[in-house]
Amino acid sequence: MRNRSYDASTAGWDQLLVKVKTHAADLPFLKDTGNQLAVALQGAREAKARQTVLQAQCRKATRDLKVHMARSRDLATRLRNGIRMRYGLSNEKLALFKIRPC
């Protein structure tokens, strides 16, 4: 049962709680455990909702990072090309900008 999916597990626990409530007269000694399961199940649902939101935020952050990295690479290349244009391809000043002179 360790590998059951979230949906299958929570659905099973919901059904178990309904059946225990239906037969509460026969199972009064399980009332407290049933209440504890209901609280734990609510906690699992809240954690799953937070997980879903965080996963979406993570995917957006990854997309944003890719966009900004590509833009930064392009701008850094433009700066290096401008430096080469100003000083030439073999000027020693290129080393100041960590550009290897030819």
N, C-alpha and C. Protein backbone atom coordinates (compact mmCIF):
# COMPACT_ATOMS: atom_id res chain seq x y z
N MET A 1 0.82 -1.20 0.00
CA MET A 1 0.00 0.00 0.00
C MET A 1 0.86 1.26 0.00
N ARG A 2 2.18 1.11 0.16
CA ARG A 2 3.07 2.26 0.21
C ARG A 2 3.07 3.04 -1.10
N ASN A 3 2.82 2.38 -2.22
CA ASN A 3 2.92 3.02 -3.52
C ASN A 3 1.58 3.51 -4.06
N ARG A 4 0.56 3.48 -3.24
CA ARG A 4 -0.74 3.97 -3.71
C ARG A 4 -0.65 5.46 -4.00
N SER A 5 -1.37 5.85 -5.01
CA SER A 5 -1.36 7.27 -5.37
C SER A 5 -2.14 8.08 -4.34
N TYR A 6 -1.90 9.36 -4.36
CA TYR A 6 -2.60 10.27 -3.46
C TYR A 6 -4.11 10.14 -3.65
N ASP A 7 -4.57 10.18 -4.91
CA ASP A 7 -6.01 10.13 -5.18
C ASP A 7 -6.63 8.83 -4.68
N ALA A 8 -5.96 7.72 -4.96
CA ALA A 8 -6.50 6.42 -4.53
C ALA A 8 -6.53 6.32 -3.01
N SER A 9 -5.49 6.80 -2.37
CA SER A 9 -5.42 6.73 -0.90
C SER A 9 -6.50 7.58 -0.26
N THR A 10 -6.61 8.85 -0.70
CA THR A 10 -7.59 9.74 -0.07
C THR A 10 -9.02 9.28 -0.35
N ALA A 11 -9.26 8.76 -1.54
CA ALA A 11 -10.60 8.25 -1.85
C ALA A 11 -10.94 7.06 -0.94
N GLY A 12 -9.97 6.20 -0.76
CA GLY A 12 -10.19 5.05 0.12
C GLY A 12 -10.45 5.47 1.56
N TRP A 13 -9.70 6.45 2.04
CA TRP A 13 -9.89 6.92 3.41
C TRP A 13 -11.23 7.62 3.57
N ASP A 14 -11.65 8.37 2.55
CA ASP A 14 -12.98 9.00 2.60
C ASP A 14 -14.07 7.94 2.72
N GLN A 15 -13.97 6.92 1.90
CA GLN A 15 -14.97 5.84 1.94
C GLN A 15 -14.96 5.13 3.30
N LEU A 16 -13.77 4.92 3.83
CA LEU A 16 -13.66 4.28 5.15
C LEU A 16 -14.35 5.13 6.21
N LEU A 17 -14.12 6.44 6.18
CA LEU A 17 -14.75 7.32 7.16
C LEU A 17 -16.27 7.31 7.05
N VAL A 18 -16.77 7.31 5.81
CA VAL A 18 -18.22 7.27 5.60
C VAL A 18 -18.80 5.98 6.17
N LYS A 19 -18.14 4.87 5.91
CA LYS A 19 -18.65 3.57 6.39
C LYS A 19 -18.58 3.46 7.90
N VAL A 20 -17.50 4.01 8.49
CA VAL A 20 -17.40 3.99 9.94
C VAL A 20 -18.49 4.85 10.56
N LYS A 21 -18.79 6.01 9.97
CA LYS A 21 -19.87 6.87 10.48
C LYS A 21 -21.22 6.19 10.34
N THR A 22 -21.40 5.49 9.20
CA THR A 22 -22.67 4.79 8.97
C THR A 22 -22.90 3.72 10.04
N HIS A 23 -21.84 3.11 10.49
CA HIS A 23 -21.95 2.03 11.48
C HIS A 23 -21.43 2.47 12.84
N ALA A 24 -21.58 3.76 13.13
CA ALA A 24 -21.07 4.32 14.38
C ALA A 24 -21.66 3.64 15.62
N ALA A 25 -22.90 3.19 15.52
CA ALA A 25 -23.52 2.54 16.68
C ALA A 25 -22.79 1.24 17.03
N ASP A 26 -22.28 0.53 16.03
CA ASP A 26 -21.55 -0.71 16.26
C ASP A 26 -20.08 -0.46 16.62
N LEU A 27 -19.57 0.74 16.29
CA LEU A 27 -18.14 1.01 16.43
C LEU A 27 -17.86 2.28 17.24
N PRO A 28 -18.52 2.45 18.41
CA PRO A 28 -18.32 3.69 19.15
C PRO A 28 -16.87 3.88 19.62
N PHE A 29 -16.15 2.81 19.81
CA PHE A 29 -14.75 2.89 20.29
C PHE A 29 -13.80 3.41 19.20
N LEU A 30 -14.28 3.53 17.95
CA LEU A 30 -13.45 4.02 16.86
C LEU A 30 -13.72 5.49 16.50
N LYS A 31 -14.64 6.10 17.26
CA LYS A 31 -15.00 7.49 16.96
C LYS A 31 -13.78 8.41 17.00
N ASP A 32 -12.98 8.31 18.06
CA ASP A 32 -11.81 9.19 18.20
C ASP A 32 -10.80 8.94 17.07
N THR A 33 -10.57 7.69 16.73
CA THR A 33 -9.64 7.37 15.64
C THR A 33 -10.16 7.88 14.31
N GLY A 34 -11.45 7.78 14.11
CA GLY A 34 -12.07 8.32 12.89
C GLY A 34 -11.90 9.83 12.80
N ASN A 35 -12.10 10.50 13.92
CA ASN A 35 -11.90 11.96 13.95
C ASN A 35 -10.44 12.32 13.66
N GLN A 36 -9.52 11.54 14.20
CA GLN A 36 -8.10 11.78 13.95
C GLN A 36 -7.77 11.58 12.46
N LEU A 37 -8.37 10.55 11.85
CA LEU A 37 -8.16 10.31 10.42
C LEU A 37 -8.71 11.48 9.61
N ALA A 38 -9.87 11.98 9.99
CA ALA A 38 -10.46 13.12 9.26
C ALA A 38 -9.55 14.34 9.33
N VAL A 39 -8.96 14.59 10.50
CA VAL A 39 -8.05 15.73 10.66
C VAL A 39 -6.78 15.51 9.82
N ALA A 40 -6.23 14.30 9.89
CA ALA A 40 -5.02 13.98 9.13
C ALA A 40 -5.29 14.08 7.63
N LEU A 41 -6.45 13.62 7.20
CA LEU A 41 -6.84 13.68 5.79
C LEU A 41 -6.97 15.12 5.33
N GLN A 42 -7.54 15.97 6.16
CA GLN A 42 -7.63 17.40 5.83
C GLN A 42 -6.24 18.00 5.72
N GLY A 43 -5.35 17.63 6.62
CA GLY A 43 -3.97 18.10 6.55
C GLY A 43 -3.28 17.66 5.27
N ALA A 44 -3.53 16.42 4.85
CA ALA A 44 -2.96 15.91 3.60
C ALA A 44 -3.49 16.70 2.41
N ARG A 45 -4.78 17.01 2.42
CA ARG A 45 -5.36 17.80 1.33
C ARG A 45 -4.76 19.20 1.26
N GLU A 46 -4.58 19.81 2.42
CA GLU A 46 -3.99 21.15 2.45
C GLU A 46 -2.54 21.11 1.96
N ALA A 47 -1.80 20.10 2.37
CA ALA A 47 -0.40 19.95 1.92
C ALA A 47 -0.34 19.72 0.42
N LYS A 48 -1.26 18.91 -0.10
CA LYS A 48 -1.31 18.65 -1.54
C LYS A 48 -1.61 19.93 -2.31
N ALA A 49 -2.52 20.75 -1.79
CA ALA A 49 -2.86 22.01 -2.44
C ALA A 49 -1.63 22.94 -2.45
N ARG A 50 -0.91 23.00 -1.32
CA ARG A 50 0.31 23.82 -1.27
C ARG A 50 1.35 23.28 -2.25
N GLN A 51 1.47 21.96 -2.32
CA GLN A 51 2.43 21.34 -3.23
C GLN A 51 2.11 21.71 -4.68
N THR A 52 0.84 21.67 -5.04
CA THR A 52 0.42 22.00 -6.39
C THR A 52 0.76 23.45 -6.73
N VAL A 53 0.50 24.35 -5.80
CA VAL A 53 0.81 25.77 -6.02
C VAL A 53 2.32 25.96 -6.16
N LEU A 54 3.08 25.32 -5.28
CA LEU A 54 4.53 25.47 -5.33
C LEU A 54 5.12 24.88 -6.61
N GLN A 55 4.57 23.77 -7.07
CA GLN A 55 5.05 23.18 -8.32
C GLN A 55 4.80 24.13 -9.48
N ALA A 56 3.63 24.75 -9.50
CA ALA A 56 3.33 25.72 -10.56
C ALA A 56 4.28 26.92 -10.48
N GLN A 57 4.54 27.40 -9.27
CA GLN A 57 5.47 28.51 -9.10
C GLN A 57 6.88 28.12 -9.53
N CYS A 58 7.26 26.90 -9.23
CA CYS A 58 8.59 26.41 -9.63
C CYS A 58 8.71 26.34 -11.15
N ARG A 59 7.69 25.83 -11.82
CA ARG A 59 7.71 25.78 -13.28
C ARG A 59 7.80 27.18 -13.88
N LYS A 60 7.05 28.12 -13.31
CA LYS A 60 7.11 29.50 -13.81
C LYS A 60 8.49 30.10 -13.57
N ALA A 61 9.05 29.86 -12.40
CA ALA A 61 10.38 30.38 -12.10
C ALA A 61 11.41 29.80 -13.06
N THR A 62 11.27 28.53 -13.41
CA THR A 62 12.18 27.89 -14.36
C THR A 62 12.06 28.55 -15.73
N ARG A 63 10.84 28.79 -16.17
CA ARG A 63 10.64 29.48 -17.46
C ARG A 63 11.23 30.88 -17.42
N ASP A 64 10.97 31.61 -16.34
CA ASP A 64 11.50 32.97 -16.20
C ASP A 64 13.02 32.96 -16.21
N LEU A 65 13.61 32.00 -15.50
CA LEU A 65 15.06 31.89 -15.44
C LEU A 65 15.65 31.66 -16.83
N LYS A 66 15.04 30.77 -17.60
CA LYS A 66 15.52 30.49 -18.96
C LYS A 66 15.47 31.76 -19.82
N VAL A 67 14.39 32.51 -19.71
CA VAL A 67 14.24 33.74 -20.50
C VAL A 67 15.32 34.75 -20.10
N HIS A 68 15.50 34.94 -18.80
CA HIS A 68 16.48 35.93 -18.33
C HIS A 68 17.91 35.49 -18.63
N MET A 69 18.19 34.20 -18.54
CA MET A 69 19.53 33.71 -18.88
C MET A 69 19.82 33.92 -20.36
N ALA A 70 18.87 33.64 -21.22
CA ALA A 70 19.07 33.84 -22.66
C ALA A 70 19.29 35.32 -22.97
N ARG A 71 18.49 36.17 -22.36
CA ARG A 71 18.64 37.62 -22.58
C ARG A 71 19.99 38.10 -22.06
N SER A 72 20.40 37.61 -20.90
CA SER A 72 21.69 38.00 -20.32
C SER A 72 22.85 37.54 -21.20
N ARG A 73 22.77 36.32 -21.73
CA ARG A 73 23.83 35.83 -22.63
C ARG A 73 23.93 36.73 -23.86
N ASP A 74 22.80 37.07 -24.43
CA ASP A 74 22.79 37.94 -25.61
C ASP A 74 23.41 39.30 -25.30
N LEU A 75 23.02 39.90 -24.19
CA LEU A 75 23.54 41.22 -23.83
C LEU A 75 25.03 41.17 -23.50
N ALA A 76 25.48 40.11 -22.82
CA ALA A 76 26.91 39.97 -22.52
C ALA A 76 27.72 39.83 -23.81
N THR A 77 27.18 39.09 -24.77
CA THR A 77 27.86 38.95 -26.07
C THR A 77 27.95 40.29 -26.76
N ARG A 78 26.89 41.08 -26.72
CA ARG A 78 26.91 42.41 -27.33
C ARG A 78 27.96 43.30 -26.67
N LEU A 79 28.03 43.23 -25.34
CA LEU A 79 29.04 44.04 -24.64
C LEU A 79 30.45 43.61 -25.05
N ARG A 80 30.70 42.31 -25.06
CA ARG A 80 32.03 41.83 -25.45
C ARG A 80 32.37 42.24 -26.89
N ASN A 81 31.41 42.13 -27.77
CA ASN A 81 31.64 42.54 -29.16
C ASN A 81 31.93 44.04 -29.26
N GLY A 82 31.23 44.85 -28.46
CA GLY A 82 31.48 46.28 -28.44
C GLY A 82 32.88 46.59 -27.92
N ILE A 83 33.30 45.86 -26.90
CA ILE A 83 34.66 46.04 -26.36
C ILE A 83 35.70 45.68 -27.42
N ARG A 84 35.49 44.56 -28.11
CA ARG A 84 36.41 44.17 -29.18
C ARG A 84 36.44 45.22 -30.30
N MET A 85 35.26 45.77 -30.61
CA MET A 85 35.17 46.77 -31.66
C MET A 85 35.96 48.03 -31.26
N ARG A 86 35.86 48.38 -29.99
CA ARG A 86 36.54 49.60 -29.51
C ARG A 86 38.06 49.41 -29.43
N TYR A 87 38.51 48.29 -28.88
CA TYR A 87 39.93 48.09 -28.64
C TYR A 87 40.63 47.27 -29.73
N GLY A 88 39.87 46.59 -30.57
CA GLY A 88 40.48 45.72 -31.57
C GLY A 88 40.62 44.30 -31.03
N LEU A 89 40.97 43.39 -31.90
CA LEU A 89 41.00 41.97 -31.52
C LEU A 89 42.26 41.55 -30.77
N SER A 90 43.32 42.36 -30.84
CA SER A 90 44.57 41.93 -30.23
C SER A 90 45.06 42.85 -29.11
N ASN A 91 44.29 43.86 -28.74
CA ASN A 91 44.69 44.78 -27.69
C ASN A 91 44.73 44.07 -26.34
N GLU A 92 45.75 44.33 -25.55
CA GLU A 92 45.90 43.70 -24.23
C GLU A 92 44.83 44.13 -23.24
N LYS A 93 44.17 45.27 -23.50
CA LYS A 93 43.09 45.72 -22.60
C LYS A 93 41.92 44.73 -22.59
N LEU A 94 41.82 43.92 -23.61
CA LEU A 94 40.74 42.92 -23.64
C LEU A 94 40.81 42.00 -22.43
N ALA A 95 42.02 41.74 -21.96
CA ALA A 95 42.20 40.87 -20.80
C ALA A 95 41.53 41.44 -19.56
N LEU A 96 41.41 42.76 -19.47
CA LEU A 96 40.71 43.38 -18.32
C LEU A 96 39.25 42.94 -18.25
N PHE A 97 38.70 42.61 -19.40
CA PHE A 97 37.29 42.21 -19.49
C PHE A 97 37.14 40.69 -19.63
N LYS A 98 38.27 39.99 -19.37
CA LYS A 98 38.32 38.54 -19.48
C LYS A 98 37.98 38.08 -20.89
N ILE A 99 38.48 38.85 -21.86
CA ILE A 99 38.36 38.50 -23.28
C ILE A 99 39.77 38.21 -23.76
N ARG A 100 39.94 37.04 -24.33
CA ARG A 100 41.27 36.64 -24.80
C ARG A 100 41.64 37.38 -26.08
N PRO A 101 42.74 38.13 -26.05
CA PRO A 101 43.19 38.78 -27.28
C PRO A 101 43.65 37.73 -28.31
N CYS A 102 43.47 38.03 -29.57
CA CYS A 102 43.91 37.11 -30.63
C CYS A 102 45.38 37.27 -30.91
